[in-house]
Amino acid sequence: MSVTVLLFIAAVFVLAGFAKGVIGLGLPTISMGLLAVVLPAPEAAALLILPSLVTNVWQMLDGPHLGPVLRRLWPLNLGVCLGTWAGAAFIAGLGGPWSAVALGVALMAYAVSGLAALRLVVPRVAEPWLGPMAGVVTGAITSATGVFVIPAVPYMQAIGLTKDELVQALGLSFSVSTLALAVTLAVTLSGAFTWDLAGPSLAAVVIALAGMRLGQAVRARLAPATFRLWFFAGLLALGAYLAARGLA
């Protein structure tokens, strides 16, 4: 990788870690979208595995609600694994001509849901069957795009978790999705994991954690609603750009 590309990657993980520190999510979404501009999508997905996993595990363990969250969301996370692995046949889409379109559409859908502040409600009795369905769909989208936020995040927002429970639930779900994607990449695209990515990936962990800590510090001073507005507007613009580039 050239120095310019490495500096761009560093800037991406600072920004993505900062966003995650402020609102609890966004590292893989921002990273995958921006890295796809300068790297082949399989390499971009492989590069974000380690920093995504480390930051998500940190978020998952940071609080007292992990036990209840695990018991409540295991059907969703099982579905994520099954959907990701079942979608391995489509993993080539990460490097195919439609990868930018698929990623752009996923980003735009997520951004629109955030900008619209959708308030979906899932009754408790529906969770045993709706959770696995949401997980399978999320896993399939993960296999195709490397982004694992839809529809898992809207689902977790709709089941009535408290703020602290939601933050840990996001960390748990993203950790599971990261591991499932890593297994899929290792099995179907073993060439995506190369020693050339080892150094940048380890450096990305440190950079992402630094950005995350900065974001956590800023979160106490910045109005979350204002940041979310600009965050989702930026994702919408990025998604539109990637989709348009893929169709060109």
Protein backbone atom coordinates (compact mmCIF):
# COMPACT_ATOMS: atom_id res chain seq x y z
CA MET A 1 0.00 0.00 0.00
CA SER A 2 1.18 3.51 -0.76
CA VAL A 3 1.68 6.10 1.96
CA THR A 4 -1.33 8.02 0.67
CA VAL A 5 -3.57 4.96 0.96
CA LEU A 6 -2.27 4.20 4.47
CA LEU A 7 -2.93 7.78 5.60
CA PHE A 8 -6.42 7.59 4.12
CA ILE A 9 -7.06 4.31 5.98
CA ALA A 10 -5.88 5.90 9.24
CA ALA A 11 -8.21 8.86 8.74
CA VAL A 12 -11.10 6.48 8.04
CA PHE A 13 -10.61 4.59 11.30
CA VAL A 14 -10.23 7.78 13.33
CA LEU A 15 -13.54 9.01 11.93
CA ALA A 16 -15.25 5.63 12.32
CA GLY A 17 -13.98 5.14 15.87
CA PHE A 18 -15.08 8.67 16.76
CA ALA A 19 -18.60 8.00 15.46
CA LYS A 20 -18.79 4.75 17.41
CA GLY A 21 -17.67 6.51 20.57
CA VAL A 22 -20.39 9.12 20.23
CA ILE A 23 -23.44 7.08 19.16
CA GLY A 24 -22.40 3.46 19.82
CA LEU A 25 -22.27 2.29 16.21
CA GLY A 26 -20.97 3.20 12.79
CA LEU A 27 -17.43 1.82 12.71
CA PRO A 28 -17.97 -0.97 10.15
CA THR A 29 -20.55 1.07 8.23
CA ILE A 30 -18.30 4.10 7.78
CA SER A 31 -15.15 2.02 7.36
CA MET A 32 -16.59 -0.26 4.70
CA GLY A 33 -18.11 2.60 2.77
CA LEU A 34 -14.96 4.73 2.72
CA LEU A 35 -12.40 1.94 2.36
CA ALA A 36 -14.27 0.65 -0.70
CA VAL A 37 -13.25 3.89 -2.40
CA VAL A 38 -9.54 2.94 -2.35
CA LEU A 39 -9.48 -0.83 -1.76
CA PRO A 40 -11.15 -3.87 -3.31
CA ALA A 41 -14.19 -4.68 -1.16
CA PRO A 42 -12.89 -8.10 0.02
CA GLU A 43 -9.67 -6.46 1.26
CA ALA A 44 -11.66 -3.66 2.89
CA ALA A 45 -13.87 -6.20 4.69
CA ALA A 46 -10.84 -8.19 5.84
CA LEU A 47 -9.05 -5.06 7.05
CA LEU A 48 -11.92 -3.95 9.29
CA ILE A 49 -12.43 -7.37 10.96
CA LEU A 50 -9.91 -6.89 13.78
CA PRO A 51 -10.61 -3.23 14.70
CA SER A 52 -14.34 -3.86 14.48
CA LEU A 53 -14.12 -6.92 16.72
CA VAL A 54 -11.94 -5.26 19.36
CA THR A 55 -14.09 -2.12 19.63
CA ASN A 56 -17.30 -4.16 19.66
CA VAL A 57 -16.11 -6.53 22.38
CA TRP A 58 -15.06 -3.53 24.45
CA GLN A 59 -18.52 -2.01 24.02
CA MET A 60 -20.23 -5.35 24.74
CA LEU A 61 -18.41 -5.84 28.06
CA ASP A 62 -18.73 -2.24 29.23
CA GLY A 63 -21.82 -2.48 31.46
CA PRO A 64 -23.88 -4.76 33.71
CA HIS A 65 -26.51 -5.87 31.19
CA LEU A 66 -24.64 -8.49 29.16
CA GLY A 67 -26.37 -11.50 30.76
CA PRO A 68 -29.97 -10.32 30.17
CA VAL A 69 -29.06 -9.11 26.68
CA LEU A 70 -27.53 -12.48 25.80
CA ARG A 71 -30.63 -14.34 26.97
CA ARG A 72 -32.97 -12.05 25.08
CA LEU A 73 -31.08 -11.69 21.81
CA TRP A 74 -29.59 -15.13 21.23
CA PRO A 75 -32.22 -15.94 18.53
CA LEU A 76 -31.28 -12.79 16.62
CA ASN A 77 -27.56 -13.52 16.84
CA LEU A 78 -28.00 -17.17 15.88
CA GLY A 79 -29.92 -15.98 12.83
CA VAL A 80 -27.08 -13.57 11.98
CA CYS A 81 -24.59 -16.45 11.95
CA LEU A 82 -26.82 -18.72 9.88
CA GLY A 83 -27.66 -15.96 7.41
CA THR A 84 -24.02 -14.97 6.99
CA TRP A 85 -22.86 -18.52 6.42
CA ALA A 86 -25.80 -19.40 4.16
CA GLY A 87 -25.00 -16.29 2.14
CA ALA A 88 -21.44 -17.48 1.53
CA ALA A 89 -22.48 -18.37 -2.02
CA PHE A 90 -22.98 -14.67 -2.63
CA ILE A 91 -19.79 -13.51 -0.93
CA ALA A 92 -18.25 -12.99 -4.37
CA GLY A 93 -20.58 -10.03 -4.58
CA LEU A 94 -18.13 -8.22 -2.34
CA GLY A 95 -15.77 -8.00 -5.26
CA GLY A 96 -18.28 -8.11 -8.09
CA PRO A 97 -19.64 -5.27 -10.21
CA TRP A 98 -22.73 -4.91 -8.02
CA SER A 99 -20.87 -4.63 -4.72
CA ALA A 100 -20.89 -0.82 -4.68
CA VAL A 101 -24.59 -0.77 -5.54
CA ALA A 102 -25.46 -3.24 -2.78
CA LEU A 103 -23.37 -1.38 -0.23
CA GLY A 104 -24.75 1.99 -1.31
CA VAL A 105 -28.34 0.79 -1.02
CA ALA A 106 -27.66 -0.67 2.44
CA LEU A 107 -26.10 2.58 3.60
CA MET A 108 -28.95 4.67 2.20
CA ALA A 109 -31.60 2.46 3.81
CA TYR A 110 -29.87 2.72 7.16
CA ALA A 111 -29.44 6.50 6.80
CA VAL A 112 -33.08 7.04 5.86
CA SER A 113 -34.24 5.02 8.88
CA GLY A 114 -32.02 7.17 11.10
CA LEU A 115 -33.08 10.49 9.59
CA ALA A 116 -36.75 9.53 9.78
CA ALA A 117 -36.32 8.53 13.44
CA LEU A 118 -38.55 5.53 12.83
CA ARG A 119 -40.17 4.26 16.01
CA LEU A 120 -40.98 0.65 15.33
CA VAL A 121 -42.39 -1.47 18.14
CA VAL A 122 -41.96 -5.24 18.37
CA PRO A 123 -44.17 -6.96 20.98
CA ARG A 124 -42.37 -9.38 23.31
CA VAL A 125 -44.42 -12.36 22.05
CA ALA A 126 -43.12 -11.78 18.50
CA GLU A 127 -39.44 -11.83 19.45
CA PRO A 128 -38.95 -15.66 19.30
CA TRP A 129 -39.80 -15.77 15.59
CA LEU A 130 -39.08 -12.22 14.42
CA GLY A 131 -35.62 -12.13 16.01
CA PRO A 132 -34.24 -15.08 14.00
CA MET A 133 -35.80 -13.69 10.81
CA ALA A 134 -34.17 -10.30 11.36
CA GLY A 135 -30.89 -12.06 12.09
CA VAL A 136 -30.95 -14.18 8.93
CA VAL A 137 -31.69 -11.14 6.76
CA THR A 138 -28.93 -9.18 8.50
CA GLY A 139 -26.51 -12.05 7.93
CA ALA A 140 -27.40 -12.26 4.24
CA ILE A 141 -26.79 -8.53 3.84
CA THR A 142 -23.52 -8.93 5.74
CA SER A 143 -22.35 -11.59 3.27
CA ALA A 144 -23.20 -9.39 0.31
CA THR A 145 -21.93 -6.05 1.57
CA GLY A 146 -19.78 -6.47 4.70
CA VAL A 147 -22.13 -4.11 6.58
CA PHE A 148 -24.21 -5.58 9.42
CA VAL A 149 -26.68 -2.98 10.59
CA ILE A 150 -29.91 -3.71 8.70
CA PRO A 151 -32.36 -4.87 9.95
CA ALA A 152 -30.65 -5.86 13.24
CA VAL A 153 -30.24 -2.31 14.55
CA PRO A 154 -33.84 -1.22 13.87
CA TYR A 155 -35.02 -4.49 15.44
CA MET A 156 -33.01 -3.90 18.63
CA GLN A 157 -34.30 -0.35 18.80
CA ALA A 158 -37.88 -1.66 18.48
CA ILE A 159 -37.92 -4.22 21.31
CA GLY A 160 -37.79 -1.63 24.07
CA LEU A 161 -34.26 -1.94 25.43
CA THR A 162 -33.06 0.79 27.76
CA LYS A 163 -30.27 3.09 26.56
CA ASP A 164 -27.54 1.17 28.39
CA GLU A 165 -28.96 -2.21 27.34
CA LEU A 166 -29.08 -1.07 23.72
CA VAL A 167 -25.44 0.01 23.73
CA GLN A 168 -24.34 -3.40 25.04
CA ALA A 169 -26.74 -5.18 22.69
CA LEU A 170 -25.19 -3.36 19.74
CA GLY A 171 -21.72 -4.40 20.89
CA LEU A 172 -22.87 -8.03 21.21
CA SER A 173 -24.60 -8.16 17.84
CA PHE A 174 -21.75 -6.47 16.02
CA SER A 175 -19.23 -8.83 17.66
CA VAL A 176 -21.21 -11.86 16.49
CA SER A 177 -21.58 -10.40 12.99
CA THR A 178 -17.86 -9.63 12.79
CA LEU A 179 -16.90 -13.16 13.77
CA ALA A 180 -19.43 -14.70 11.38
CA LEU A 181 -18.12 -12.56 8.52
CA ALA A 182 -14.53 -13.44 9.42
CA VAL A 183 -15.33 -17.16 9.21
CA THR A 184 -17.08 -16.67 5.88
CA LEU A 185 -14.19 -14.67 4.43
CA ALA A 186 -11.65 -17.21 5.70
CA VAL A 187 -13.53 -20.11 4.09
CA THR A 188 -14.69 -18.56 0.83
CA LEU A 189 -12.08 -15.87 0.20
CA SER A 190 -8.96 -17.07 1.95
CA GLY A 191 -6.90 -14.79 -0.28
CA ALA A 192 -8.53 -11.76 1.34
CA PHE A 193 -6.47 -12.40 4.49
CA THR A 194 -2.84 -11.67 3.64
CA TRP A 195 0.20 -10.69 5.66
CA ASP A 196 0.16 -7.39 3.79
CA LEU A 197 -2.97 -6.50 5.78
CA ALA A 198 -1.60 -7.57 9.18
CA GLY A 199 0.27 -4.36 9.94
CA PRO A 200 -2.46 -1.97 8.75
CA SER A 201 -5.09 -4.02 10.61
CA LEU A 202 -3.20 -3.89 13.93
CA ALA A 203 -2.55 -0.19 13.47
CA ALA A 204 -6.24 0.31 12.70
CA VAL A 205 -7.14 -1.22 16.08
CA VAL A 206 -5.08 1.40 17.93
CA ILE A 207 -6.35 4.23 15.75
CA ALA A 208 -9.99 3.15 16.04
CA LEU A 209 -9.73 2.84 19.84
CA ALA A 210 -8.21 6.33 20.03
CA GLY A 211 -11.02 7.69 17.90
CA MET A 212 -13.56 5.84 20.03
CA ARG A 213 -12.18 7.33 23.25
CA LEU A 214 -12.28 10.78 21.70
CA GLY A 215 -15.87 10.21 20.65
CA GLN A 216 -16.82 9.10 24.15
CA ALA A 217 -15.31 12.30 25.55
CA VAL A 218 -17.15 14.47 23.05
CA ARG A 219 -20.45 12.65 23.63
CA ALA A 220 -20.83 14.35 27.02
CA ARG A 221 -20.57 17.79 25.40
CA LEU A 222 -22.26 17.37 22.02
CA ALA A 223 -26.02 17.14 21.53
CA PRO A 224 -26.54 13.57 20.26
CA ALA A 225 -29.49 14.60 18.08
CA THR A 226 -27.34 17.11 16.20
CA PHE A 227 -24.52 14.63 15.65
CA ARG A 228 -26.93 11.89 14.53
CA LEU A 229 -28.47 14.27 11.98
CA TRP A 230 -25.13 15.01 10.32
CA PHE A 231 -23.98 11.40 10.69
CA PHE A 232 -26.98 9.93 8.88
CA ALA A 233 -26.98 12.71 6.28
CA GLY A 234 -23.35 11.88 5.53
CA LEU A 235 -24.11 8.19 5.25
CA LEU A 236 -26.98 8.94 2.87
CA ALA A 237 -24.67 10.98 0.63
CA LEU A 238 -21.96 8.30 0.75
CA GLY A 239 -24.44 5.54 -0.05
CA ALA A 240 -25.82 7.47 -2.99
CA TYR A 241 -22.30 8.07 -4.31
CA LEU A 242 -21.29 4.41 -4.05
CA ALA A 243 -24.54 3.19 -5.66
CA ALA A 244 -24.21 5.70 -8.51
CA ARG A 245 -20.59 4.72 -9.07
CA GLY A 246 -21.56 1.05 -9.21
CA LEU A 247 -24.25 1.75 -11.81
CA ALA A 248 -21.95 3.91 -13.95
